[in-house]
Amino acid sequence: MKVLHSYWFSDMSGGHMGIVVGEDERTKERKAYIGIAGGHNQEDDIAAIAARGQKVSPAILEEILGKLKPQKSK
């Protein structure tokens, strides 16, 4: 998988979580994976999440985005 981008989040206790977006080099299908990272080496963290992270569903991301939009009043 060719990594296209990574997004990083930290909590107040120093924990790190990342989302890695990549593209299958053969099929060109794009996928995203989420996982916990050590936070000491970004390249290692990206590789670990890409290899062992949980796949992120585009439908879930769209649902989250929808929840962030203000509801139209009737």
C-alpha atoms as a PDB file:
ATOM      1  CA  MET A   1       0.000   0.000   0.000  1.00  0.00           C
ATOM      2  CA  LYS A   2       1.263   3.424  -0.939  1.00  0.00           C
ATOM      3  CA  VAL A   3       0.617   5.853   1.917  1.00  0.00           C
ATOM      4  CA  LEU A   4      -1.005   9.075   0.699  1.00  0.00           C
ATOM      5  CA  HIS A   5      -1.607  10.904   3.973  1.00  0.00           C
ATOM      6  CA  SER A   6      -1.774  10.504   7.721  1.00  0.00           C
ATOM      7  CA  TYR A   7      -3.780  12.373  10.349  1.00  0.00           C
ATOM      8  CA  TRP A   8      -2.761  12.511  13.996  1.00  0.00           C
ATOM      9  CA  PHE A   9      -4.630  13.075  17.243  1.00  0.00           C
ATOM     10  CA  SER A  10      -3.279  13.279  20.794  1.00  0.00           C
ATOM     11  CA  ASP A  11      -5.026  13.205  24.123  1.00  0.00           C
ATOM     12  CA  MET A  12      -4.088  15.177  27.218  1.00  0.00           C
ATOM     13  CA  SER A  13      -2.214  12.210  28.728  1.00  0.00           C
ATOM     14  CA  GLY A  14       0.116  11.897  25.724  1.00  0.00           C
ATOM     15  CA  GLY A  15      -1.658   9.059  23.910  1.00  0.00           C
ATOM     16  CA  HIS A  16      -1.536   9.101  20.114  1.00  0.00           C
ATOM     17  CA  MET A  17      -3.985   7.885  17.490  1.00  0.00           C
ATOM     18  CA  GLY A  18      -3.637   8.070  13.736  1.00  0.00           C
ATOM     19  CA  ILE A  19      -5.587   7.578  10.548  1.00  0.00           C
ATOM     20  CA  VAL A  20      -3.561   6.461   7.538  1.00  0.00           C
ATOM     21  CA  VAL A  21      -4.947   6.830   4.014  1.00  0.00           C
ATOM     22  CA  GLY A  22      -3.365   4.708   1.339  1.00  0.00           C
ATOM     23  CA  GLU A  23      -3.788   3.372  -2.148  1.00  0.00           C
ATOM     24  CA  ASP A  24      -3.384  -0.225  -3.279  1.00  0.00           C
ATOM     25  CA  GLU A  25      -0.611  -0.020  -5.859  1.00  0.00           C
ATOM     26  CA  ARG A  26      -2.153  -2.741  -8.029  1.00  0.00           C
ATOM     27  CA  THR A  27      -5.908  -1.987  -7.884  1.00  0.00           C
ATOM     28  CA  LYS A  28      -5.621   1.763  -7.098  1.00  0.00           C
ATOM     29  CA  GLU A  29      -8.345   1.290  -4.448  1.00  0.00           C
ATOM     30  CA  ARG A  30      -8.021   3.786  -1.599  1.00  0.00           C
ATOM     31  CA  LYS A  31      -8.484   2.734   2.012  1.00  0.00           C
ATOM     32  CA  ALA A  32      -8.114   4.295   5.441  1.00  0.00           C
ATOM     33  CA  TYR A  33      -6.985   2.609   8.650  1.00  0.00           C
ATOM     34  CA  ILE A  34      -7.142   3.859  12.238  1.00  0.00           C
ATOM     35  CA  GLY A  35      -5.013   2.804  15.178  1.00  0.00           C
ATOM     36  CA  ILE A  36      -3.099   3.668  18.332  1.00  0.00           C
ATOM     37  CA  ALA A  37       0.492   4.795  17.822  1.00  0.00           C
ATOM     38  CA  GLY A  38       3.546   4.942  20.060  1.00  0.00           C
ATOM     39  CA  GLY A  39       4.287   8.521  19.097  1.00  0.00           C
ATOM     40  CA  HIS A  40       8.071   8.115  19.021  1.00  0.00           C
ATOM     41  CA  ASN A  41       8.634   7.587  15.298  1.00  0.00           C
ATOM     42  CA  GLN A  42       6.077   8.761  12.737  1.00  0.00           C
ATOM     43  CA  GLU A  43       7.284   6.443   9.964  1.00  0.00           C
ATOM     44  CA  ASP A  44       7.057   3.395  12.252  1.00  0.00           C
ATOM     45  CA  ASP A  45       3.638   4.509  13.497  1.00  0.00           C
ATOM     46  CA  ILE A  46       2.350   4.914   9.927  1.00  0.00           C
ATOM     47  CA  ALA A  47       3.654   1.469   8.959  1.00  0.00           C
ATOM     48  CA  ALA A  48       2.088  -0.144  12.042  1.00  0.00           C
ATOM     49  CA  ILE A  49      -1.331   1.429  11.480  1.00  0.00           C
ATOM     50  CA  ALA A  50      -1.265   0.604   7.751  1.00  0.00           C
ATOM     51  CA  ALA A  51      -0.423  -3.034   8.550  1.00  0.00           C
ATOM     52  CA  ARG A  52      -2.532  -3.676  11.669  1.00  0.00           C
ATOM     53  CA  GLY A  53      -5.009  -0.820  11.982  1.00  0.00           C
ATOM     54  CA  GLN A  54      -8.771  -1.101  11.818  1.00  0.00           C
ATOM     55  CA  LYS A  55     -10.241  -0.301   8.387  1.00  0.00           C
ATOM     56  CA  VAL A  56     -12.283   2.919   8.388  1.00  0.00           C
ATOM     57  CA  SER A  57     -15.554   2.819   6.488  1.00  0.00           C
ATOM     58  CA  PRO A  58     -16.241   5.820   4.227  1.00  0.00           C
ATOM     59  CA  ALA A  59     -19.915   5.532   5.243  1.00  0.00           C
ATOM     60  CA  ILE A  60     -18.987   6.071   8.899  1.00  0.00           C
ATOM     61  CA  LEU A  61     -16.877   9.109   7.993  1.00  0.00           C
ATOM     62  CA  GLU A  62     -19.797  10.554   6.019  1.00  0.00           C
ATOM     63  CA  GLU A  63     -22.118   9.939   8.973  1.00  0.00           C
ATOM     64  CA  ILE A  64     -19.725  11.757  11.321  1.00  0.00           C
ATOM     65  CA  LEU A  65     -19.504  14.695   8.915  1.00  0.00           C
ATOM     66  CA  GLY A  66     -23.294  14.797   8.748  1.00  0.00           C
ATOM     67  CA  LYS A  67     -23.492  15.006  12.549  1.00  0.00           C
ATOM     68  CA  LEU A  68     -21.195  18.042  12.483  1.00  0.00           C
ATOM     69  CA  LYS A  69     -23.493  20.016  10.195  1.00  0.00           C
ATOM     70  CA  PRO A  70     -26.119  22.187  11.896  1.00  0.00           C
ATOM     71  CA  GLN A  71     -29.656  20.814  11.685  1.00  0.00           C
ATOM     72  CA  LYS A  72     -32.023  22.923   9.614  1.00  0.00           C
ATOM     73  CA  SER A  73     -34.923  24.198  11.673  1.00  0.00           C
ATOM     74  CA  LYS A  74     -38.441  23.652  10.390  1.00  0.00           C
END
